[in-house]
C-alpha atoms as a PDB file:
ATOM      1  CA  MET A   1      10.971  38.945-118.325  1.00  0.00           C
ATOM      2  CA  SER A   2       7.921  38.997-116.116  1.00  0.00           C
ATOM      3  CA  ARG A   3       4.469  39.680-117.214  1.00  0.00           C
ATOM      4  CA  GLU A   4       4.343  41.723-114.996  1.00  0.00           C
ATOM      5  CA  ILE A   5       6.800  44.045-115.451  1.00  0.00           C
ATOM      6  CA  ASP A   6       5.279  45.823-118.905  1.00  0.00           C
ATOM      7  CA  GLY A   7       6.812  48.569-120.477  1.00  0.00           C
ATOM      8  CA  TRP A   8       6.228  51.543-117.759  1.00  0.00           C
ATOM      9  CA  TRP A   9       7.406  49.492-115.049  1.00  0.00           C
ATOM     10  CA  THR A  10      10.504  48.687-117.566  1.00  0.00           C
ATOM     11  CA  VAL A  11      11.060  52.529-117.545  1.00  0.00           C
ATOM     12  CA  GLY A  12      10.197  53.306-114.254  1.00  0.00           C
ATOM     13  CA  HIS A  13      12.535  51.368-112.854  1.00  0.00           C
ATOM     14  CA  ALA A  14      15.428  52.210-115.186  1.00  0.00           C
ATOM     15  CA  ALA A  15      14.613  56.089-114.115  1.00  0.00           C
ATOM     16  CA  VAL A  16      13.670  55.680-110.802  1.00  0.00           C
ATOM     17  CA  GLY A  17      16.606  53.086-110.105  1.00  0.00           C
ATOM     18  CA  THR A  18      19.352  54.874-111.756  1.00  0.00           C
ATOM     19  CA  LEU A  19      18.201  57.643-109.058  1.00  0.00           C
ATOM     20  CA  ALA A  20      17.927  56.571-106.347  1.00  0.00           C
ATOM     21  CA  HIS A  21      21.640  54.585-106.581  1.00  0.00           C
ATOM     22  CA  ALA A  22      23.154  57.468-107.315  1.00  0.00           C
ATOM     23  CA  ALA A  23      21.367  59.269-104.605  1.00  0.00           C
ATOM     24  CA  PHE A  24      22.257  56.156-102.113  1.00  0.00           C
ATOM     25  CA  ARG A  25      24.122  53.512-101.194  1.00  0.00           C
ATOM     26  CA  ILE A  26      21.190  50.545-101.289  1.00  0.00           C
ATOM     27  CA  ARG A  27      21.697  46.962 -98.590  1.00  0.00           C
ATOM     28  CA  VAL A  28      18.436  44.471 -99.030  1.00  0.00           C
ATOM     29  CA  SER A  29      18.733  41.421 -96.915  1.00  0.00           C
ATOM     30  CA  GLY A  30      15.775  38.923 -96.882  1.00  0.00           C
ATOM     31  CA  SER A  31      14.919  39.239-100.453  1.00  0.00           C
ATOM     32  CA  ARG A  32      15.206  35.581-101.277  1.00  0.00           C
ATOM     33  CA  ASN A  33      11.568  36.327 -99.155  1.00  0.00           C
ATOM     34  CA  ILE A  34       9.901  37.585-102.127  1.00  0.00           C
ATOM     35  CA  PRO A  35       7.467  34.966-103.773  1.00  0.00           C
ATOM     36  CA  ARG A  36       8.125  34.368-107.063  1.00  0.00           C
ATOM     37  CA  SER A  37       5.113  34.197-107.975  1.00  0.00           C
ATOM     38  CA  GLY A  38       1.440  34.449-105.317  1.00  0.00           C
ATOM     39  CA  GLY A  39      -0.217  37.004-104.038  1.00  0.00           C
ATOM     40  CA  ALA A  40       0.949  38.278-100.941  1.00  0.00           C
ATOM     41  CA  LEU A  41       1.084  41.730 -98.836  1.00  0.00           C
ATOM     42  CA  LEU A  42       4.016  43.191 -97.864  1.00  0.00           C
ATOM     43  CA  VAL A  43       3.809  45.601 -94.818  1.00  0.00           C
ATOM     44  CA  PHE A  44       6.813  48.139 -94.285  1.00  0.00           C
ATOM     45  CA  ASN A  45       7.384  51.088 -91.627  1.00  0.00           C
ATOM     46  CA  HIS A  46       7.549  54.609 -92.576  1.00  0.00           C
ATOM     47  CA  VAL A  47       9.970  57.171 -92.298  1.00  0.00           C
ATOM     48  CA  SER A  48       9.868  59.205 -95.652  1.00  0.00           C
ATOM     49  CA  VAL A  49       7.875  60.040 -98.461  1.00  0.00           C
ATOM     50  CA  ILE A  50      10.153  58.181-100.798  1.00  0.00           C
ATOM     51  CA  ASP A  51       9.744  54.851 -98.627  1.00  0.00           C
ATOM     52  CA  SER A  52       7.893  52.595-101.209  1.00  0.00           C
ATOM     53  CA  ILE A  53      10.840  52.748-103.756  1.00  0.00           C
ATOM     54  CA  PHE A  54      13.310  51.091-101.852  1.00  0.00           C
ATOM     55  CA  VAL A  55      10.600  48.163-101.159  1.00  0.00           C
ATOM     56  CA  ALA A  56       9.312  48.451-105.420  1.00  0.00           C
ATOM     57  CA  LEU A  57      13.883  48.161-106.511  1.00  0.00           C
ATOM     58  CA  PRO A  58      14.292  44.496-105.033  1.00  0.00           C
ATOM     59  CA  VAL A  59      10.872  43.041-105.406  1.00  0.00           C
ATOM     60  CA  LEU A  60      11.573  44.336-109.305  1.00  0.00           C
ATOM     61  CA  HIS A  61      14.712  42.519-109.602  1.00  0.00           C
ATOM     62  CA  SER A  62      13.015  39.999-108.643  1.00  0.00           C
ATOM     63  CA  GLY A  63      10.846  39.542-110.959  1.00  0.00           C
ATOM     64  CA  ARG A  64       7.741  41.274-109.879  1.00  0.00           C
ATOM     65  CA  ILE A  65       5.691  44.673-109.137  1.00  0.00           C
ATOM     66  CA  ILE A  66       3.920  45.773-106.369  1.00  0.00           C
ATOM     67  CA  ARG A  67       1.422  47.781-106.097  1.00  0.00           C
ATOM     68  CA  CYS A  68       0.877  50.987-103.675  1.00  0.00           C
ATOM     69  CA  PHE A  69      -1.510  53.336-102.391  1.00  0.00           C
ATOM     70  CA  ALA A  70      -1.001  56.546-103.791  1.00  0.00           C
ATOM     71  CA  LEU A  71      -2.558  59.916-102.355  1.00  0.00           C
ATOM     72  CA  ALA A  72      -5.658  60.317-104.672  1.00  0.00           C
ATOM     73  CA  GLU A  73      -4.414  63.721-105.162  1.00  0.00           C
ATOM     74  CA  GLU A  74      -1.501  62.023-106.828  1.00  0.00           C
ATOM     75  CA  PHE A  75      -3.877  61.455-109.490  1.00  0.00           C
ATOM     76  CA  GLU A  76      -4.382  64.400-110.784  1.00  0.00           C
ATOM     77  CA  ARG A  77      -1.483  66.142-111.486  1.00  0.00           C
ATOM     78  CA  PRO A  78      -0.818  66.297-114.509  1.00  0.00           C
ATOM     79  CA  LEU A  79       2.597  63.419-115.052  1.00  0.00           C
ATOM     80  CA  MET A  80       2.148  62.056-112.198  1.00  0.00           C
ATOM     81  CA  GLY A  81      -0.689  61.329-112.315  1.00  0.00           C
ATOM     82  CA  PRO A  82      -0.677  58.949-115.702  1.00  0.00           C
ATOM     83  CA  ALA A  83       2.738  57.930-114.470  1.00  0.00           C
ATOM     84  CA  LEU A  84       1.077  56.252-111.074  1.00  0.00           C
ATOM     85  CA  THR A  85      -1.967  55.135-113.157  1.00  0.00           C
ATOM     86  CA  HIS A  86      -0.098  53.087-115.669  1.00  0.00           C
ATOM     87  CA  LEU A  87       1.652  51.606-112.538  1.00  0.00           C
ATOM     88  CA  ARG A  88      -1.477  50.128-111.042  1.00  0.00           C
ATOM     89  CA  GLN A  89      -1.313  52.223-107.710  1.00  0.00           C
ATOM     90  CA  ILE A  90      -4.305  52.446-105.740  1.00  0.00           C
ATOM     91  CA  PRO A  91      -5.728  56.030-105.024  1.00  0.00           C
ATOM     92  CA  VAL A  92      -6.699  56.554-101.275  1.00  0.00           C
ATOM     93  CA  ARG A  93      -7.820  59.420 -99.836  1.00  0.00           C
ATOM     94  CA  ARG A  94      -6.398  60.715 -96.788  1.00  0.00           C
ATOM     95  CA  GLY A  95      -8.776  60.223 -93.995  1.00  0.00           C
ATOM     96  CA  ALA A  96     -11.324  58.744 -95.384  1.00  0.00           C
ATOM     97  CA  GLY A  97     -11.883  55.180 -93.957  1.00  0.00           C
ATOM     98  CA  ALA A  98     -13.580  53.813 -97.357  1.00  0.00           C
ATOM     99  CA  TRP A  99     -13.368  50.057 -97.627  1.00  0.00           C
ATOM    100  CA  GLU A 100     -13.237  50.619-102.014  1.00  0.00           C
ATOM    101  CA  PRO A 101      -9.005  50.782-101.599  1.00  0.00           C
ATOM    102  CA  LEU A 102      -9.176  48.058 -99.550  1.00  0.00           C
ATOM    103  CA  GLU A 103     -10.293  45.675-102.179  1.00  0.00           C
ATOM    104  CA  LEU A 104      -9.133  46.902-104.572  1.00  0.00           C
ATOM    105  CA  MET A 105      -5.656  45.878-102.834  1.00  0.00           C
ATOM    106  CA  ALA A 106      -7.063  42.743-101.610  1.00  0.00           C
ATOM    107  CA  ASP A 107      -8.548  41.663-105.216  1.00  0.00           C
ATOM    108  CA  SER A 108      -4.878  42.439-105.995  1.00  0.00           C
ATOM    109  CA  VAL A 109      -3.507  40.450-103.915  1.00  0.00           C
ATOM    110  CA  ARG A 110      -5.931  37.634-104.150  1.00  0.00           C
ATOM    111  CA  ALA A 111      -5.264  37.053-108.115  1.00  0.00           C
ATOM    112  CA  GLY A 112      -1.158  36.560-107.627  1.00  0.00           C
ATOM    113  CA  GLY A 113      -0.248  40.000-106.824  1.00  0.00           C
ATOM    114  CA  LEU A 114       1.893  42.047-104.720  1.00  0.00           C
ATOM    115  CA  GLY A 115       0.938  44.438-102.458  1.00  0.00           C
ATOM    116  CA  GLY A 116       2.465  47.162-100.361  1.00  0.00           C
ATOM    117  CA  ILE A 117       1.004  48.664 -97.524  1.00  0.00           C
ATOM    118  CA  ALA A 118       2.563  51.488 -94.424  1.00  0.00           C
ATOM    119  CA  PRO A 119       0.304  50.586 -91.679  1.00  0.00           C
ATOM    120  CA  GLU A 120       1.743  53.284 -90.254  1.00  0.00           C
ATOM    121  CA  GLY A 121      -0.060  55.786 -92.300  1.00  0.00           C
ATOM    122  CA  THR A 122       1.729  58.898 -92.283  1.00  0.00           C
ATOM    123  CA  VAL A 123       5.802  59.102 -92.031  1.00  0.00           C
ATOM    124  CA  GLY A 124       7.277  59.099 -88.622  1.00  0.00           C
ATOM    125  CA  THR A 125      10.804  60.072 -87.220  1.00  0.00           C
ATOM    126  CA  GLY A 126      11.755  55.703 -87.085  1.00  0.00           C
ATOM    127  CA  GLU A 127      12.706  56.418 -83.914  1.00  0.00           C
ATOM    128  CA  GLU A 128       9.730  54.219 -82.945  1.00  0.00           C
ATOM    129  CA  LEU A 129       6.926  52.988 -84.725  1.00  0.00           C
ATOM    130  CA  LEU A 130       3.811  55.045 -84.444  1.00  0.00           C
ATOM    131  CA  PRO A 131       0.400  53.017 -84.142  1.00  0.00           C
ATOM    132  CA  ILE A 132      -0.638  50.417 -86.524  1.00  0.00           C
ATOM    133  CA  GLN A 133      -3.460  51.543 -88.659  1.00  0.00           C
ATOM    134  CA  LYS A 134      -5.968  48.487 -89.147  1.00  0.00           C
ATOM    135  CA  GLY A 135      -5.741  47.901 -93.079  1.00  0.00           C
ATOM    136  CA  ALA A 136      -2.595  45.648 -94.014  1.00  0.00           C
ATOM    137  CA  ALA A 137      -4.927  43.784 -91.341  1.00  0.00           C
ATOM    138  CA  ARG A 138      -8.103  44.189 -93.257  1.00  0.00           C
ATOM    139  CA  VAL A 139      -6.527  43.751 -96.518  1.00  0.00           C
ATOM    140  CA  ALA A 140      -4.669  40.456 -95.632  1.00  0.00           C
ATOM    141  CA  LEU A 141      -7.759  39.105 -94.393  1.00  0.00           C
ATOM    142  CA  LEU A 142      -9.593  40.119 -97.314  1.00  0.00           C
ATOM    143  CA  ALA A 143      -6.877  38.500 -99.626  1.00  0.00           C
ATOM    144  CA  GLN A 144      -6.431  35.884 -97.505  1.00  0.00           C
ATOM    145  CA  ARG A 145      -3.249  36.050 -97.979  1.00  0.00           C
ATOM    146  CA  PRO A 146       0.160  36.118 -96.111  1.00  0.00           C
ATOM    147  CA  VAL A 147       1.445  39.472 -94.911  1.00  0.00           C
ATOM    148  CA  ILE A 148       5.773  39.666 -95.421  1.00  0.00           C
ATOM    149  CA  PRO A 149       7.195  42.822 -92.701  1.00  0.00           C
ATOM    150  CA  VAL A 150       9.436  45.367 -94.427  1.00  0.00           C
ATOM    151  CA  GLY A 151      11.963  47.432 -92.277  1.00  0.00           C
ATOM    152  CA  LEU A 152      13.156  49.933 -93.771  1.00  0.00           C
ATOM    153  CA  TRP A 153      15.405  53.055 -92.312  1.00  0.00           C
ATOM    154  CA  GLY A 154      17.737  55.343 -93.982  1.00  0.00           C
ATOM    155  CA  PRO A 155      15.492  57.049 -96.183  1.00  0.00           C
ATOM    156  CA  GLN A 156      14.991  59.436 -93.853  1.00  0.00           C
ATOM    157  CA  ARG A 157      18.637  61.075 -94.091  1.00  0.00           C
ATOM    158  CA  ARG A 158      18.057  62.825 -97.341  1.00  0.00           C
ATOM    159  CA  TRP A 159      13.890  62.841 -97.066  1.00  0.00           C
ATOM    160  CA  PRO A 160      12.935  63.039 -93.841  1.00  0.00           C
ATOM    161  CA  LYS A 161       9.033  63.742 -92.397  1.00  0.00           C
ATOM    162  CA  ALA A 162      10.769  68.088 -92.600  1.00  0.00           C
ATOM    163  CA  GLY A 163      11.696  67.383 -96.280  1.00  0.00           C
ATOM    164  CA  LEU A 164      14.084  67.337 -98.558  1.00  0.00           C
ATOM    165  CA  HIS A 165      17.372  68.569 -97.071  1.00  0.00           C
ATOM    166  CA  ARG A 166      21.296  68.310 -98.454  1.00  0.00           C
ATOM    167  CA  HIS A 167      22.771  67.293 -95.281  1.00  0.00           C
ATOM    168  CA  ALA A 168      26.249  64.901 -95.119  1.00  0.00           C
ATOM    169  CA  PRO A 169      26.378  62.320 -95.198  1.00  0.00           C
ATOM    170  CA  ALA A 170      26.549  63.026 -99.674  1.00  0.00           C
ATOM    171  CA  ARG A 171      24.842  59.534-100.150  1.00  0.00           C
ATOM    172  CA  PRO A 172      23.456  58.166 -97.391  1.00  0.00           C
ATOM    173  CA  THR A 173      22.726  54.678 -96.625  1.00  0.00           C
ATOM    174  CA  VAL A 174      20.103  52.748 -97.034  1.00  0.00           C
ATOM    175  CA  GLY A 175      19.128  49.445 -94.905  1.00  0.00           C
ATOM    176  CA  VAL A 176      15.652  47.213 -96.886  1.00  0.00           C
ATOM    177  CA  ALA A 177      15.133  43.913 -94.949  1.00  0.00           C
ATOM    178  CA  PHE A 178      12.504  41.621 -95.683  1.00  0.00           C
ATOM    179  CA  GLY A 179      11.103  38.854 -93.172  1.00  0.00           C
ATOM    180  CA  GLU A 180       8.936  35.819 -94.280  1.00  0.00           C
ATOM    181  CA  ALA A 181       5.620  35.235 -95.139  1.00  0.00           C
ATOM    182  CA  THR A 182       3.715  35.247 -92.329  1.00  0.00           C
ATOM    183  CA  PRO A 183      -0.170  33.305 -93.338  1.00  0.00           C
ATOM    184  CA  VAL A 184      -2.819  35.119 -91.175  1.00  0.00           C
ATOM    185  CA  GLU A 185      -6.463  34.004 -89.969  1.00  0.00           C
ATOM    186  CA  GLY A 186      -9.371  35.447 -89.250  1.00  0.00           C
ATOM    187  CA  ASP A 187     -13.012  37.865 -90.746  1.00  0.00           C
ATOM    188  CA  PRO A 188     -12.440  40.823 -91.834  1.00  0.00           C
ATOM    189  CA  LYS A 189     -15.441  42.455 -89.912  1.00  0.00           C
ATOM    190  CA  TYR A 190     -14.478  40.934 -87.112  1.00  0.00           C
ATOM    191  CA  ARG A 191     -12.458  43.538 -84.363  1.00  0.00           C
ATOM    192  CA  PRO A 192     -10.690  41.012 -82.984  1.00  0.00           C
ATOM    193  CA  ASP A 193      -9.513  38.935 -85.969  1.00  0.00           C
ATOM    194  CA  VAL A 194      -8.203  42.349 -87.102  1.00  0.00           C
ATOM    195  CA  GLN A 195      -6.534  43.657 -83.874  1.00  0.00           C
ATOM    196  CA  ALA A 196      -5.015  40.597 -83.983  1.00  0.00           C
ATOM    197  CA  VAL A 197      -3.440  40.297 -87.337  1.00  0.00           C
ATOM    198  CA  THR A 198      -2.717  44.340 -86.457  1.00  0.00           C
ATOM    199  CA  ASP A 199      -1.264  43.448 -83.771  1.00  0.00           C
ATOM    200  CA  ARG A 200       1.403  41.102 -84.855  1.00  0.00           C
ATOM    201  CA  ILE A 201       1.921  43.519 -88.334  1.00  0.00           C
ATOM    202  CA  ARG A 202       3.503  45.617 -85.392  1.00  0.00           C
ATOM    203  CA  GLU A 203       5.321  42.756 -83.760  1.00  0.00           C
ATOM    204  CA  LEU A 204       6.958  41.360 -87.148  1.00  0.00           C
ATOM    205  CA  LEU A 205       7.960  45.155 -88.821  1.00  0.00           C
ATOM    206  CA  THR A 206       9.887  45.496 -84.892  1.00  0.00           C
ATOM    207  CA  VAL A 207      12.014  42.672 -85.786  1.00  0.00           C
ATOM    208  CA  GLN A 208      12.267  43.869 -88.935  1.00  0.00           C
ATOM    209  CA  VAL A 209      13.225  47.805 -88.465  1.00  0.00           C
ATOM    210  CA  ASP A 210      16.037  46.578 -86.251  1.00  0.00           C
ATOM    211  CA  ALA A 211      17.555  44.129 -88.913  1.00  0.00           C
ATOM    212  CA  ALA A 212      17.215  47.251 -91.406  1.00  0.00           C
ATOM    213  CA  ARG A 213      19.171  49.535 -88.688  1.00  0.00           C
ATOM    214  CA  ARG A 214      22.165  47.199 -88.409  1.00  0.00           C
ATOM    215  CA  LEU A 215      22.339  46.991 -92.895  1.00  0.00           C
ATOM    216  CA  ALA A 216      23.022  51.120 -92.716  1.00  0.00           C
ATOM    217  CA  PRO A 217      23.767  52.551 -89.123  1.00  0.00           C
ATOM    218  CA  ASP A 218      23.892  55.598 -87.608  1.00  0.00           C
ATOM    219  CA  PRO A 219      26.842  57.387 -87.883  1.00  0.00           C
ATOM    220  CA  CYS A 220      28.665  57.586 -84.809  1.00  0.00           C
END
């Protein structure tokens, strides 16, 4: 077992993984692109509040863990807070625009960890990408590590932006498509460099979302 995966991750994987596989049919492509060692930033589109679960599960299967941003208020909940802390997730306040969470994520990635960000910043319908926020580009540039685009499709069939529902099908299909690692270059505080990486992230995500939709096609 990887030294990254401690008791908290083992228990979380068993509990959440079992629930996810019971509730969804999960189809994954490109898992070979998850690095077995070394740092990288995984960027994924945001169609549901549970997206990070479907990114984390293939990462765990590869023997790694992933650190994602979670809303600071979630860390204040009696059960959720300690779990997020022990799983080494990173608190962020919506709309705060602070550099500290970005630097914490970048430090982790630079040190050889895997980070995860939904650069749209909020849950969308999935029909098209929302504007890509610049935080992901800044993290990648601060860390000077590659980005790995991850396309998701299907979590919104059970938990869309409007909230959890029980509509058919009973066990929706989720597609998760990992793209190849793409190096980044530039200064995280130089706007043209940040914008160039942000635009590249959008291009990469568009390709992987299309791949995820092919894995989990919409019902006819």
